[in-house]
C-alpha atoms as a PDB file:
ATOM      1  CA  MET A   1      19.146  75.788 115.005  1.00  0.00           C
ATOM      2  CA  ILE A   2      19.091  77.925 111.896  1.00  0.00           C
ATOM      3  CA  GLY A   3      22.661  76.848 111.071  1.00  0.00           C
ATOM      4  CA  LEU A   4      21.577  73.187 111.350  1.00  0.00           C
ATOM      5  CA  VAL A   5      18.649  73.761 108.956  1.00  0.00           C
ATOM      6  CA  LEU A   6      20.919  75.655 106.478  1.00  0.00           C
ATOM      7  CA  THR A   7      23.519  72.866 106.647  1.00  0.00           C
ATOM      8  CA  LEU A   8      20.862  70.210 106.043  1.00  0.00           C
ATOM      9  CA  GLY A   9      19.412  72.218 103.214  1.00  0.00           C
ATOM     10  CA  LEU A  10      22.745  72.588 101.480  1.00  0.00           C
ATOM     11  CA  THR A  11      23.568  68.870 101.932  1.00  0.00           C
ATOM     12  CA  GLY A  12      20.231  67.952 100.407  1.00  0.00           C
ATOM     13  CA  ALA A  13      20.694  70.413  97.521  1.00  0.00           C
ATOM     14  CA  SER A  14      24.141  69.001  96.653  1.00  0.00           C
ATOM     15  CA  ALA A  15      22.791  65.509  96.664  1.00  0.00           C
ATOM     16  CA  ALA A  16      19.904  66.593  94.458  1.00  0.00           C
ATOM     17  CA  LEU A  17      22.262  68.266  92.033  1.00  0.00           C
ATOM     18  CA  ALA A  18      24.459  65.172  91.685  1.00  0.00           C
ATOM     19  CA  ALA A  19      23.671  63.497  88.353  1.00  0.00           C
ATOM     20  CA  PRO A  20      22.098  60.104  88.713  1.00  0.00           C
ATOM     21  CA  CYS A  21      24.100  57.135  87.449  1.00  0.00           C
ATOM     22  CA  ALA A  22      23.147  56.087  83.902  1.00  0.00           C
ATOM     23  CA  VAL A  23      21.721  52.561  83.982  1.00  0.00           C
ATOM     24  CA  PRO A  24      23.226  50.490  81.127  1.00  0.00           C
ATOM     25  CA  VAL A  25      20.878  48.838  78.746  1.00  0.00           C
ATOM     26  CA  PRO A  26      21.908  45.571  77.076  1.00  0.00           C
ATOM     27  CA  PRO A  27      21.566  45.184  73.312  1.00  0.00           C
ATOM     28  CA  PRO A  28      18.201  43.578  72.398  1.00  0.00           C
ATOM     29  CA  ALA A  29      18.375  39.805  72.126  1.00  0.00           C
ATOM     30  CA  GLU A  30      16.433  40.065  68.868  1.00  0.00           C
ATOM     31  CA  GLY A  31      19.521  41.830  67.381  1.00  0.00           C
ATOM     32  CA  LYS A  32      21.742  38.759  67.988  1.00  0.00           C
ATOM     33  CA  PRO A  33      22.463  37.265  64.542  1.00  0.00           C
ATOM     34  CA  GLU A  34      21.781  33.558  64.052  1.00  0.00           C
ATOM     35  CA  LYS A  35      24.844  31.524  63.058  1.00  0.00           C
ATOM     36  CA  PRO A  36      24.268  29.400  59.969  1.00  0.00           C
ATOM     37  CA  SER A  37      24.474  25.658  60.528  1.00  0.00           C
ATOM     38  CA  LEU A  38      26.748  23.407  58.630  1.00  0.00           C
ATOM     39  CA  PRO A  39      25.047  21.143  56.157  1.00  0.00           C
ATOM     40  CA  PRO A  40      24.895  17.611  57.285  1.00  0.00           C
ATOM     41  CA  LYS A  41      27.857  15.522  56.088  1.00  0.00           C
ATOM     42  CA  PRO A  42      26.824  12.541  53.963  1.00  0.00           C
ATOM     43  CA  ALA A  43      27.821   9.145  55.409  1.00  0.00           C
ATOM     44  CA  CYS A  44      29.440   8.208  52.116  1.00  0.00           C
ATOM     45  CA  LEU A  45      32.157  10.845  52.653  1.00  0.00           C
ATOM     46  CA  ASP A  46      33.755   8.581  55.279  1.00  0.00           C
ATOM     47  CA  ALA A  47      33.176   5.372  53.380  1.00  0.00           C
ATOM     48  CA  LYS A  48      36.015   3.736  51.582  1.00  0.00           C
ATOM     49  CA  GLY A  49      34.494   4.155  48.101  1.00  0.00           C
ATOM     50  CA  GLY A  50      33.490   7.800  48.595  1.00  0.00           C
ATOM     51  CA  CYS A  51      30.250   9.363  47.423  1.00  0.00           C
ATOM     52  CA  PRO A  52      28.609   9.059  44.089  1.00  0.00           C
ATOM     53  CA  GLY A  53      29.037  12.073  41.870  1.00  0.00           C
ATOM     54  CA  TRP A  54      25.573  13.607  42.403  1.00  0.00           C
ATOM     55  CA  GLU A  55      25.875  13.376  46.243  1.00  0.00           C
ATOM     56  CA  ALA A  56      29.332  14.787  46.276  1.00  0.00           C
ATOM     57  CA  TYR A  57      28.168  17.718  44.062  1.00  0.00           C
ATOM     58  CA  SER A  58      25.148  18.283  46.232  1.00  0.00           C
ATOM     59  CA  TYR A  59      27.249  18.384  49.430  1.00  0.00           C
ATOM     60  CA  ASN A  60      29.728  20.743  47.651  1.00  0.00           C
ATOM     61  CA  ASP A  61      26.899  23.065  46.653  1.00  0.00           C
ATOM     62  CA  ALA A  62      25.560  23.038  50.257  1.00  0.00           C
ATOM     63  CA  ILE A  63      29.077  23.938  51.568  1.00  0.00           C
ATOM     64  CA  LYS A  64      29.297  26.833  49.124  1.00  0.00           C
ATOM     65  CA  ALA A  65      25.929  28.072  50.322  1.00  0.00           C
ATOM     66  CA  TYR A  66      27.056  27.781  53.937  1.00  0.00           C
ATOM     67  CA  ASN A  67      30.176  29.763  53.134  1.00  0.00           C
ATOM     68  CA  ALA A  68      28.092  32.547  51.591  1.00  0.00           C
ATOM     69  CA  GLN A  69      25.873  32.669  54.648  1.00  0.00           C
ATOM     70  CA  ALA A  70      28.945  32.670  56.973  1.00  0.00           C
ATOM     71  CA  GLN A  71      30.338  35.724  55.092  1.00  0.00           C
ATOM     72  CA  VAL A  72      27.088  37.575  55.788  1.00  0.00           C
ATOM     73  CA  PHE A  73      26.977  36.407  59.430  1.00  0.00           C
ATOM     74  CA  ARG A  74      30.501  37.520  60.354  1.00  0.00           C
ATOM     75  CA  PRO A  75      30.047  41.309  60.193  1.00  0.00           C
ATOM     76  CA  LEU A  76      26.674  41.005  61.877  1.00  0.00           C
ATOM     77  CA  ALA A  77      28.270  38.957  64.713  1.00  0.00           C
ATOM     78  CA  GLU A  78      31.077  41.448  65.072  1.00  0.00           C
ATOM     79  CA  ALA A  79      28.664  44.380  65.276  1.00  0.00           C
ATOM     80  CA  TYR A  80      26.677  42.552  67.947  1.00  0.00           C
ATOM     81  CA  ALA A  81      29.860  41.812  69.894  1.00  0.00           C
ATOM     82  CA  GLN A  82      30.740  45.465  69.801  1.00  0.00           C
ATOM     83  CA  LYS A  83      27.374  46.274  71.312  1.00  0.00           C
ATOM     84  CA  LEU A  84      27.917  43.622  73.997  1.00  0.00           C
ATOM     85  CA  ASN A  85      31.363  45.068  74.796  1.00  0.00           C
ATOM     86  CA  ALA A  86      29.848  48.591  75.070  1.00  0.00           C
ATOM     87  CA  TYR A  87      27.284  47.237  77.473  1.00  0.00           C
ATOM     88  CA  VAL A  88      29.980  45.700  79.617  1.00  0.00           C
ATOM     89  CA  LYS A  89      31.877  48.912  79.610  1.00  0.00           C
ATOM     90  CA  ALA A  90      28.794  50.885  80.548  1.00  0.00           C
ATOM     91  CA  SER A  91      27.999  48.368  83.338  1.00  0.00           C
ATOM     92  CA  GLY A  92      31.442  48.966  84.814  1.00  0.00           C
ATOM     93  CA  GLU A  93      30.961  52.705  84.639  1.00  0.00           C
ATOM     94  CA  TYR A  94      27.559  52.388  86.260  1.00  0.00           C
ATOM     95  CA  ALA A  95      29.010  50.302  89.129  1.00  0.00           C
ATOM     96  CA  GLN A  96      31.766  52.928  89.660  1.00  0.00           C
ATOM     97  CA  CYS A  97      29.210  55.736  89.684  1.00  0.00           C
ATOM     98  CA  GLU A  98      27.070  53.899  92.286  1.00  0.00           C
ATOM     99  CA  MET A  99      30.168  53.320  94.443  1.00  0.00           C
ATOM    100  CA  LYS A 100      31.012  56.962  94.271  1.00  0.00           C
ATOM    101  CA  SER A 101      27.510  57.905  95.223  1.00  0.00           C
ATOM    102  CA  LEU A 102      27.832  55.837  98.343  1.00  0.00           C
ATOM    103  CA  GLN A 103      31.054  57.621  99.344  1.00  0.00           C
ATOM    104  CA  GLN A 104      29.556  61.143  99.027  1.00  0.00           C
END
């Protein structure tokens, strides 16, 4: 009887000493950068005669502004993607940890 209690006590102690699995936390959705939208293409671009000068220049300026926004967006998107990949990796590690805890 004493041996049974001692065995149960040691088993409970080793289970209590095992570190709990770290639950992964996804990156906050608020941190997801917003992709800039392309400016609307004027209908005259596809027309046979093309666009009048002022409309072509306006569209060209809008494209330049979009390109500048896209340059800012890219590193933000890459950083967010790295956080997502880290979350995926941590999720896999969490699942493996939980599987090991079931085998002990």
